[in-house]
N, C-alpha and C. Protein backbone atom coordinates (compact mmCIF):
# COMPACT_ATOMS: atom_id res chain seq x y z
N UNK A 1 -25.28 -26.11 -5.03
CA UNK A 1 -23.77 -25.77 -5.63
C UNK A 1 -23.00 -27.05 -5.44
N UNK A 2 -22.10 -27.46 -6.58
CA UNK A 2 -21.43 -28.40 -6.33
C UNK A 2 -20.09 -28.35 -5.32
N UNK A 3 -19.60 -29.40 -5.20
CA UNK A 3 -18.35 -29.32 -4.08
C UNK A 3 -17.02 -28.60 -4.75
N UNK A 4 -16.91 -28.59 -6.05
CA UNK A 4 -15.74 -27.53 -6.47
C UNK A 4 -16.06 -26.27 -6.39
N UNK A 5 -17.27 -25.88 -6.79
CA UNK A 5 -17.84 -24.33 -6.46
C UNK A 5 -17.81 -23.97 -5.21
N UNK A 6 -18.27 -24.99 -4.04
CA UNK A 6 -18.16 -24.41 -2.83
C UNK A 6 -17.07 -24.47 -2.29
N UNK A 7 -16.02 -25.04 -2.68
CA UNK A 7 -14.46 -25.03 -2.32
C UNK A 7 -13.94 -23.59 -2.78
N UNK A 8 -14.19 -23.36 -4.15
CA UNK A 8 -13.90 -22.08 -4.57
C UNK A 8 -14.36 -20.82 -3.84
N UNK A 9 -15.65 -20.88 -3.81
CA UNK A 9 -16.43 -20.03 -2.93
C UNK A 9 -15.74 -19.78 -1.39
N UNK A 10 -15.55 -20.68 -0.81
CA UNK A 10 -14.95 -20.70 0.56
C UNK A 10 -13.61 -20.11 0.68
N UNK A 11 -12.80 -20.66 -0.52
CA UNK A 11 -11.43 -20.08 -0.51
C UNK A 11 -11.28 -18.47 -0.86
N UNK A 12 -12.20 -18.12 -1.66
CA UNK A 12 -12.54 -16.65 -1.88
C UNK A 12 -12.88 -15.94 -0.51
N UNK A 13 -13.75 -16.36 0.30
CA UNK A 13 -14.20 -15.84 1.30
C UNK A 13 -13.13 -15.86 2.25
N UNK A 14 -12.16 -16.97 2.48
CA UNK A 14 -11.19 -16.93 3.49
C UNK A 14 -10.15 -15.93 3.08
N UNK A 15 -9.90 -15.78 1.93
CA UNK A 15 -8.97 -14.86 1.45
C UNK A 15 -9.40 -13.45 1.60
N UNK A 16 -10.76 -13.18 1.36
CA UNK A 16 -10.99 -11.69 1.85
C UNK A 16 -10.94 -11.61 3.29
N UNK A 17 -11.31 -12.45 3.92
CA UNK A 17 -11.21 -12.31 5.38
C UNK A 17 -9.76 -11.99 5.94
N UNK A 18 -9.15 -12.84 5.53
CA UNK A 18 -7.50 -12.82 5.69
C UNK A 18 -7.04 -11.06 5.18
N UNK A 19 -7.48 -10.73 4.14
CA UNK A 19 -7.19 -9.45 3.75
C UNK A 19 -7.88 -8.46 4.66
N UNK A 20 -9.05 -8.62 5.12
CA UNK A 20 -9.52 -7.69 5.92
C UNK A 20 -8.67 -7.82 7.33
N UNK A 21 -8.43 -8.79 8.07
CA UNK A 21 -7.68 -9.20 9.19
C UNK A 21 -6.47 -8.33 9.22
N UNK A 22 -5.74 -8.49 8.10
CA UNK A 22 -4.45 -7.97 7.99
C UNK A 22 -4.67 -6.27 7.78
N UNK A 23 -5.51 -5.70 7.16
CA UNK A 23 -5.58 -4.36 7.21
C UNK A 23 -6.16 -3.86 8.76
N UNK A 24 -7.01 -4.67 9.28
CA UNK A 24 -7.19 -4.16 10.68
C UNK A 24 -5.95 -4.08 11.46
N UNK A 25 -5.18 -5.08 11.42
CA UNK A 25 -3.95 -5.12 12.25
C UNK A 25 -2.92 -4.00 12.08
N UNK A 26 -3.08 -3.86 10.65
CA UNK A 26 -2.15 -2.76 10.01
C UNK A 26 -2.53 -1.26 10.59
N UNK A 27 -4.02 -1.12 10.89
CA UNK A 27 -4.52 -0.09 11.30
C UNK A 27 -4.07 0.19 12.86
N UNK A 28 -4.32 -1.08 13.46
CA UNK A 28 -4.04 -0.85 14.85
C UNK A 28 -2.41 -0.75 15.31
N UNK A 29 -1.66 -0.95 14.33
CA UNK A 29 -0.12 -0.72 14.26
C UNK A 29 0.07 0.92 14.22
N UNK A 30 -0.71 1.25 13.36
CA UNK A 30 -0.64 2.73 12.81
C UNK A 30 -1.06 3.59 13.84
N UNK A 31 -2.13 3.41 14.49
CA UNK A 31 -2.86 4.07 15.62
C UNK A 31 -2.04 4.01 16.85
N UNK A 32 -1.39 2.84 17.19
CA UNK A 32 -0.70 2.46 18.58
C UNK A 32 0.83 3.12 18.31
N UNK A 33 1.25 3.39 17.18
CA UNK A 33 2.72 3.80 16.96
C UNK A 33 2.60 5.29 17.79
N UNK A 34 3.43 5.48 18.73
CA UNK A 34 3.81 6.64 19.27
C UNK A 34 4.08 7.81 18.43
N UNK A 35 4.66 7.63 17.12
CA UNK A 35 4.89 8.69 16.25
C UNK A 35 3.76 9.18 15.50
N UNK A 36 2.54 8.44 15.60
CA UNK A 36 1.46 8.82 14.96
C UNK A 36 0.70 10.01 15.62
N UNK A 37 0.52 11.03 14.89
CA UNK A 37 -0.35 12.14 15.45
C UNK A 37 -1.79 12.08 15.36
N UNK A 38 -2.54 12.60 16.27
CA UNK A 38 -3.92 12.52 16.22
C UNK A 38 -4.77 13.03 15.03
N UNK A 39 -4.09 13.97 14.23
CA UNK A 39 -4.61 14.39 12.86
C UNK A 39 -4.28 13.44 11.92
N UNK A 40 -3.35 12.68 11.90
CA UNK A 40 -3.17 11.49 10.94
C UNK A 40 -4.23 10.42 11.12
N UNK A 41 -4.65 10.48 12.39
CA UNK A 41 -5.62 9.24 12.63
C UNK A 41 -7.07 9.92 12.19
N UNK A 42 -7.12 10.97 12.38
CA UNK A 42 -8.45 11.53 12.09
C UNK A 42 -8.60 11.73 10.52
N UNK A 43 -7.35 12.15 9.67
CA UNK A 43 -7.31 12.04 8.21
C UNK A 43 -7.63 10.79 7.68
N UNK A 44 -6.95 9.80 8.13
CA UNK A 44 -7.29 8.26 7.61
C UNK A 44 -8.58 7.91 7.87
N UNK A 45 -9.22 8.19 9.13
CA UNK A 45 -10.51 7.50 9.16
C UNK A 45 -11.42 8.37 8.52
N UNK A 46 -11.28 9.77 8.07
CA UNK A 46 -12.05 10.41 7.07
C UNK A 46 -12.03 10.12 5.79
N UNK A 47 -10.94 9.46 5.31
CA UNK A 47 -10.86 9.28 4.03
C UNK A 47 -9.65 8.08 3.77
N UNK A 48 -10.04 6.82 4.11
CA UNK A 48 -8.93 5.96 4.26
C UNK A 48 -8.54 5.44 2.92
N UNK A 49 -9.23 5.61 1.59
CA UNK A 49 -8.92 5.37 0.42
C UNK A 49 -7.80 6.47 -0.03
N UNK A 50 -7.92 7.41 0.15
CA UNK A 50 -7.25 8.77 -0.23
C UNK A 50 -5.98 8.68 0.69
N UNK A 51 -5.98 8.28 1.83
CA UNK A 51 -4.89 8.47 2.78
C UNK A 51 -4.15 6.98 3.00
N UNK A 52 -4.12 5.98 1.98
CA UNK A 52 -3.45 4.82 2.23
C UNK A 52 -2.09 5.01 2.52
N UNK A 53 -1.35 6.17 1.98
CA UNK A 53 0.04 6.20 2.39
C UNK A 53 0.14 6.12 3.89
N UNK A 54 -0.49 6.82 4.50
CA UNK A 54 -0.26 6.88 5.95
C UNK A 54 -0.30 5.25 6.68
N UNK A 55 -1.03 4.48 5.96
CA UNK A 55 -0.84 3.10 6.75
C UNK A 55 0.26 2.09 5.93
N UNK A 56 0.64 2.75 4.63
CA UNK A 56 1.69 1.75 3.75
C UNK A 56 2.66 1.39 4.53
N UNK A 57 3.38 2.11 5.32
CA UNK A 57 4.58 1.75 6.19
C UNK A 57 4.41 0.40 7.01
N UNK A 58 3.10 0.37 7.46
CA UNK A 58 2.90 -0.89 8.29
C UNK A 58 2.35 -2.18 7.65
N UNK A 59 2.41 -2.14 6.16
CA UNK A 59 1.96 -3.27 5.43
C UNK A 59 3.12 -3.99 4.81
N UNK A 60 3.38 -5.14 4.92
CA UNK A 60 4.43 -6.02 4.06
C UNK A 60 3.67 -7.32 3.53
N UNK A 61 3.95 -7.49 2.38
CA UNK A 61 3.64 -8.75 1.52
C UNK A 61 4.82 -9.17 1.02
N UNK A 62 5.01 -10.28 1.87
CA UNK A 62 6.31 -11.14 1.64
C UNK A 62 7.40 -10.28 1.53
N UNK A 63 7.47 -9.41 2.85
CA UNK A 63 8.69 -8.49 2.83
C UNK A 63 8.59 -7.28 2.06
N UNK A 64 7.56 -7.13 0.95
CA UNK A 64 7.60 -5.87 0.03
C UNK A 64 6.53 -5.07 0.69
N UNK A 65 6.87 -3.63 0.62
CA UNK A 65 5.96 -2.61 1.07
C UNK A 65 5.28 -1.94 0.01
N UNK A 66 3.82 -2.20 0.03
CA UNK A 66 3.11 -1.47 -1.31
C UNK A 66 3.25 0.00 -1.08
N UNK A 67 3.16 0.65 -2.22
CA UNK A 67 3.30 2.08 -2.28
C UNK A 67 1.60 2.67 -2.55
N UNK A 68 0.84 1.92 -2.97
CA UNK A 68 -0.47 2.29 -3.15
C UNK A 68 -1.47 0.95 -3.05
N UNK A 69 -2.82 1.23 -2.88
CA UNK A 69 -3.78 0.11 -2.87
C UNK A 69 -3.51 -0.95 -4.06
N UNK A 70 -3.32 -0.32 -5.38
CA UNK A 70 -3.30 -1.07 -6.43
C UNK A 70 -2.01 -2.01 -6.34
N UNK A 71 -0.88 -1.43 -5.70
CA UNK A 71 0.35 -2.22 -5.54
C UNK A 71 0.11 -3.20 -4.75
N UNK A 72 -0.77 -2.93 -3.42
CA UNK A 72 -0.98 -3.90 -2.75
C UNK A 72 -1.61 -5.18 -3.08
N UNK A 73 -2.75 -4.96 -3.92
CA UNK A 73 -3.40 -6.07 -4.87
C UNK A 73 -2.47 -6.83 -5.73
N UNK A 74 -1.42 -5.96 -6.45
CA UNK A 74 -0.71 -6.63 -7.22
C UNK A 74 0.23 -7.68 -6.58
N UNK A 75 0.85 -7.07 -5.37
CA UNK A 75 1.61 -7.89 -4.48
C UNK A 75 0.71 -9.28 -3.95
N UNK A 76 -0.21 -8.81 -3.63
CA UNK A 76 -1.11 -9.94 -3.16
C UNK A 76 -1.30 -11.11 -4.20
N UNK A 77 -1.67 -10.73 -5.34
CA UNK A 77 -2.05 -11.60 -6.61
C UNK A 77 -0.71 -12.21 -7.02
N UNK A 78 0.34 -11.68 -7.15
CA UNK A 78 1.68 -12.31 -7.28
C UNK A 78 1.70 -13.24 -6.23
N UNK A 79 1.75 -12.86 -4.99
CA UNK A 79 2.03 -13.91 -3.83
C UNK A 79 1.24 -15.06 -4.34
N UNK A 80 -0.18 -14.90 -4.47
CA UNK A 80 -1.24 -15.99 -4.59
C UNK A 80 -0.79 -16.86 -5.75
N UNK A 81 -0.13 -16.48 -7.05
CA UNK A 81 0.05 -17.18 -8.19
C UNK A 81 1.42 -17.91 -7.64
N UNK A 82 2.33 -17.27 -7.02
CA UNK A 82 3.58 -18.05 -6.52
C UNK A 82 3.20 -19.13 -5.78
N UNK A 83 2.25 -18.95 -4.75
CA UNK A 83 1.72 -19.86 -3.86
C UNK A 83 1.14 -20.89 -4.24
N UNK A 84 0.20 -20.68 -5.42
CA UNK A 84 -0.67 -21.73 -6.19
C UNK A 84 0.39 -22.47 -6.96
N UNK A 85 1.33 -22.10 -7.66
CA UNK A 85 2.44 -22.85 -8.32
C UNK A 85 3.22 -23.57 -7.46
N UNK A 86 3.57 -23.28 -6.32
CA UNK A 86 4.46 -24.09 -5.36
C UNK A 86 3.53 -25.30 -4.87
N UNK A 87 2.15 -25.01 -4.63
CA UNK A 87 1.32 -26.04 -4.30
C UNK A 87 1.01 -27.23 -5.31
N UNK A 88 1.25 -26.81 -6.63
CA UNK A 88 0.79 -27.68 -7.50
C UNK A 88 2.02 -28.61 -7.80
N UNK A 89 3.31 -28.38 -7.44
CA UNK A 89 4.36 -29.33 -7.55
C UNK A 89 4.25 -30.48 -6.79
């Protein structure tokens, strides 16, 4: 693997890990919120993809709150494009 390909691969891995860490922090905030009831935690654990709206209030991407998983990925991609453009200056 060439140096460029390794750098690209490493960057993708780092971004994936960052997203996983963010979602883990979000779930921790959701679970530790005194207003979260046990039934909501059980529902989220049983079907996290179907219950994204339960954790959405705890997520912020550049101050924006995503309404869905696809919205989260769109916000992340928009932030990434903006960040990359800024670094190219």
